[in-house]
N, C-alpha and C. Protein backbone atom coordinates (compact mmCIF):
# COMPACT_ATOMS: atom_id res chain seq x y z
N UNK A 1 30.50 -86.68 -36.64
CA UNK A 1 30.84 -86.05 -37.50
C UNK A 1 31.81 -85.31 -37.49
N UNK A 2 32.62 -84.92 -37.45
CA UNK A 2 33.78 -83.45 -37.85
C UNK A 2 34.43 -83.29 -38.89
N UNK A 3 34.52 -81.94 -39.24
CA UNK A 3 35.62 -81.97 -40.22
C UNK A 3 34.66 -81.31 -41.76
N UNK A 4 35.74 -81.14 -43.16
CA UNK A 4 35.49 -80.51 -44.31
C UNK A 4 34.21 -81.40 -45.22
N UNK A 5 33.07 -80.98 -45.37
CA UNK A 5 32.31 -82.18 -46.24
C UNK A 5 31.76 -81.25 -46.95
N UNK A 6 31.54 -81.39 -48.36
CA UNK A 6 31.14 -80.90 -49.51
C UNK A 6 29.46 -81.33 -50.22
N UNK A 7 28.78 -79.97 -49.88
CA UNK A 7 27.29 -80.82 -50.08
C UNK A 7 27.51 -80.65 -52.10
N UNK A 8 26.61 -82.26 -52.88
CA UNK A 8 26.52 -82.61 -53.92
C UNK A 8 25.65 -81.89 -54.67
N UNK A 9 24.28 -81.85 -53.83
CA UNK A 9 23.23 -81.00 -54.10
C UNK A 9 23.00 -80.14 -53.58
N UNK A 10 22.17 -78.89 -54.11
CA UNK A 10 22.08 -78.53 -52.86
C UNK A 10 21.00 -78.63 -51.53
N UNK A 11 21.05 -77.37 -51.13
CA UNK A 11 20.05 -78.48 -49.61
C UNK A 11 20.17 -76.80 -48.84
N UNK A 12 18.31 -76.98 -47.93
CA UNK A 12 17.69 -75.67 -47.40
C UNK A 12 19.16 -75.40 -46.31
N UNK A 13 19.11 -74.41 -45.76
CA UNK A 13 20.37 -73.70 -44.80
C UNK A 13 19.25 -72.86 -43.55
N UNK A 14 18.72 -72.56 -43.04
CA UNK A 14 18.00 -71.82 -42.01
C UNK A 14 19.63 -70.55 -41.37
N UNK A 15 18.98 -69.28 -41.18
CA UNK A 15 20.24 -67.97 -39.97
C UNK A 15 18.87 -67.14 -39.43
N UNK A 16 19.66 -67.14 -37.79
CA UNK A 16 18.38 -66.27 -36.86
C UNK A 16 18.75 -64.72 -37.51
N UNK A 17 18.05 -63.95 -37.58
CA UNK A 17 17.55 -62.81 -38.46
C UNK A 17 16.95 -62.59 -37.32
N UNK A 18 16.58 -61.21 -36.66
CA UNK A 18 15.84 -59.71 -35.39
C UNK A 18 14.72 -61.20 -35.26
N UNK A 19 15.33 -62.92 -34.04
CA UNK A 19 14.39 -63.09 -33.25
C UNK A 19 13.56 -63.96 -34.54
N UNK A 20 13.79 -64.13 -35.65
CA UNK A 20 13.05 -64.72 -36.65
C UNK A 20 14.19 -65.65 -37.00
N UNK A 21 13.61 -66.83 -37.64
CA UNK A 21 14.64 -67.13 -38.25
C UNK A 21 14.57 -67.53 -40.17
N UNK A 22 15.01 -67.02 -40.85
CA UNK A 22 15.27 -67.23 -42.59
C UNK A 22 16.34 -68.58 -42.69
N UNK A 23 15.33 -69.01 -44.36
CA UNK A 23 15.93 -69.24 -44.90
C UNK A 23 16.45 -69.41 -46.24
N UNK A 24 16.90 -70.07 -46.72
CA UNK A 24 18.22 -69.85 -47.96
C UNK A 24 18.78 -71.12 -49.28
N UNK A 25 18.65 -71.33 -49.97
CA UNK A 25 19.19 -72.12 -50.32
C UNK A 25 21.13 -71.96 -50.50
N UNK A 26 21.72 -73.01 -50.09
CA UNK A 26 24.00 -73.04 -50.50
C UNK A 26 23.47 -73.79 -51.26
N UNK A 27 23.82 -73.72 -52.70
CA UNK A 27 24.68 -74.03 -53.86
C UNK A 27 25.21 -75.61 -53.60
N UNK A 28 25.09 -76.32 -54.94
CA UNK A 28 25.88 -78.10 -54.82
C UNK A 28 27.53 -77.22 -54.74
N UNK A 29 28.31 -78.21 -54.08
CA UNK A 29 29.43 -77.74 -54.33
C UNK A 29 30.27 -76.75 -53.39
N UNK A 30 29.92 -76.08 -52.19
CA UNK A 30 29.80 -75.72 -51.76
C UNK A 30 29.82 -76.46 -50.57
N UNK A 31 31.54 -75.40 -49.64
CA UNK A 31 31.77 -76.66 -48.24
C UNK A 31 31.05 -75.58 -47.18
N UNK A 32 31.24 -77.39 -45.95
CA UNK A 32 30.61 -77.64 -44.70
C UNK A 32 32.10 -77.68 -43.95
N UNK A 33 31.88 -76.88 -43.47
CA UNK A 33 32.44 -77.82 -41.97
C UNK A 33 31.75 -77.89 -40.46
N UNK A 34 31.88 -78.95 -39.91
CA UNK A 34 31.16 -79.87 -38.40
C UNK A 34 32.17 -80.45 -38.14
N UNK A 35 31.01 -79.25 -37.32
CA UNK A 35 31.76 -78.57 -35.18
C UNK A 35 31.90 -79.92 -34.77
N UNK A 36 32.00 -81.06 -35.05
CA UNK A 36 31.81 -82.23 -33.70
C UNK A 36 30.22 -82.91 -32.70
N UNK A 37 29.69 -82.39 -33.34
CA UNK A 37 27.64 -82.70 -33.32
C UNK A 37 27.34 -84.23 -34.31
N UNK A 38 27.59 -85.05 -33.97
CA UNK A 38 27.16 -86.03 -34.62
C UNK A 38 25.23 -86.17 -35.28
N UNK A 39 25.57 -87.05 -36.18
CA UNK A 39 24.02 -86.93 -36.55
C UNK A 39 23.47 -88.08 -35.89
N UNK A 40 22.74 -87.57 -35.04
CA UNK A 40 22.95 -87.91 -33.92
C UNK A 40 20.71 -88.31 -33.65
N UNK A 41 20.40 -87.85 -34.60
CA UNK A 41 18.27 -88.04 -34.75
C UNK A 41 18.29 -86.36 -34.13
N UNK A 42 19.34 -85.88 -34.36
CA UNK A 42 18.80 -83.70 -33.75
C UNK A 42 18.24 -83.70 -35.11
N UNK A 43 17.04 -82.84 -35.39
CA UNK A 43 16.29 -82.51 -36.35
C UNK A 43 17.30 -81.88 -36.73
N UNK A 44 17.98 -80.29 -36.22
CA UNK A 44 18.68 -79.48 -36.70
C UNK A 44 20.47 -79.46 -36.60
N UNK A 45 21.13 -79.33 -36.75
CA UNK A 45 23.11 -79.37 -36.28
C UNK A 45 23.25 -77.96 -36.97
N UNK A 46 24.07 -77.05 -36.11
CA UNK A 46 25.08 -76.21 -36.63
C UNK A 46 25.82 -76.16 -37.72
N UNK A 47 25.71 -75.99 -38.79
CA UNK A 47 27.27 -75.56 -39.11
C UNK A 47 28.14 -74.43 -39.50
N UNK A 48 28.76 -74.46 -40.58
CA UNK A 48 29.76 -73.60 -40.13
C UNK A 48 30.36 -73.05 -42.27
N UNK A 49 29.12 -72.20 -42.91
CA UNK A 49 29.88 -72.38 -44.55
C UNK A 49 29.41 -70.79 -44.37
N UNK A 50 31.14 -70.69 -45.15
CA UNK A 50 31.04 -69.19 -45.64
C UNK A 50 31.59 -68.36 -44.58
N UNK A 51 31.50 -68.40 -43.03
CA UNK A 51 32.60 -68.14 -42.81
C UNK A 51 31.28 -67.41 -40.76
N UNK A 52 30.17 -67.76 -41.96
CA UNK A 52 28.56 -67.80 -40.66
C UNK A 52 28.87 -69.18 -40.43
N UNK A 53 27.63 -69.34 -38.85
CA UNK A 53 26.92 -70.08 -38.31
C UNK A 53 26.01 -70.50 -38.78
N UNK A 54 25.11 -71.72 -39.81
CA UNK A 54 23.67 -71.68 -40.46
C UNK A 54 23.29 -73.00 -39.65
N UNK A 55 21.70 -73.01 -39.37
CA UNK A 55 21.29 -74.44 -39.17
C UNK A 55 20.84 -74.98 -40.62
N UNK A 56 21.16 -76.60 -40.09
CA UNK A 56 20.52 -77.17 -41.02
C UNK A 56 20.06 -78.24 -41.25
N UNK A 57 19.30 -79.28 -41.42
CA UNK A 57 18.58 -79.77 -41.08
C UNK A 57 19.44 -81.74 -41.60
N UNK A 58 19.83 -82.74 -40.48
CA UNK A 58 20.51 -83.36 -40.12
C UNK A 58 20.67 -84.62 -41.52
N UNK A 59 18.45 -84.55 -41.63
CA UNK A 59 18.45 -85.40 -42.81
C UNK A 59 18.44 -84.89 -44.13
N UNK A 60 18.91 -83.35 -44.89
CA UNK A 60 19.70 -83.02 -45.55
C UNK A 60 21.13 -83.29 -46.00
N UNK A 61 21.37 -83.09 -44.60
CA UNK A 61 23.90 -83.00 -44.61
C UNK A 61 24.00 -84.65 -44.59
N UNK A 62 22.65 -85.69 -44.41
CA UNK A 62 23.45 -87.09 -44.61
C UNK A 62 23.21 -87.01 -45.80
N UNK A 63 22.34 -86.44 -46.64
CA UNK A 63 21.90 -87.32 -48.09
C UNK A 63 22.86 -86.50 -48.48
N UNK A 64 23.66 -84.64 -48.82
CA UNK A 64 24.24 -84.32 -49.90
C UNK A 64 25.09 -83.65 -49.05
N UNK A 65 25.75 -84.54 -48.01
CA UNK A 65 27.32 -84.32 -48.68
C UNK A 65 28.59 -85.81 -48.57
N UNK A 66 29.38 -85.47 -48.56
CA UNK A 66 30.89 -85.55 -49.29
C UNK A 66 31.87 -85.22 -48.32
N UNK A 67 32.31 -86.65 -47.49
CA UNK A 67 33.85 -85.73 -46.92
C UNK A 67 34.22 -86.13 -47.90
N UNK A 68 35.62 -84.45 -47.71
CA UNK A 68 36.73 -83.73 -48.56
C UNK A 68 37.95 -84.33 -47.88
């Protein structure tokens, strides 16, 4: 699954900060770039949002995104 996707609902994301992970919510209608990984059972995958690599749960991405 590659390309640009739009969130149709807010979704949780994680980012590494000083050796630990911090969570935050990406609002609906934001654009995400998926870089080639597929939804193959991995729990988390890297996604580019606003020029930053963040981690998102694949289950959230399956439910909350549409291809643009």
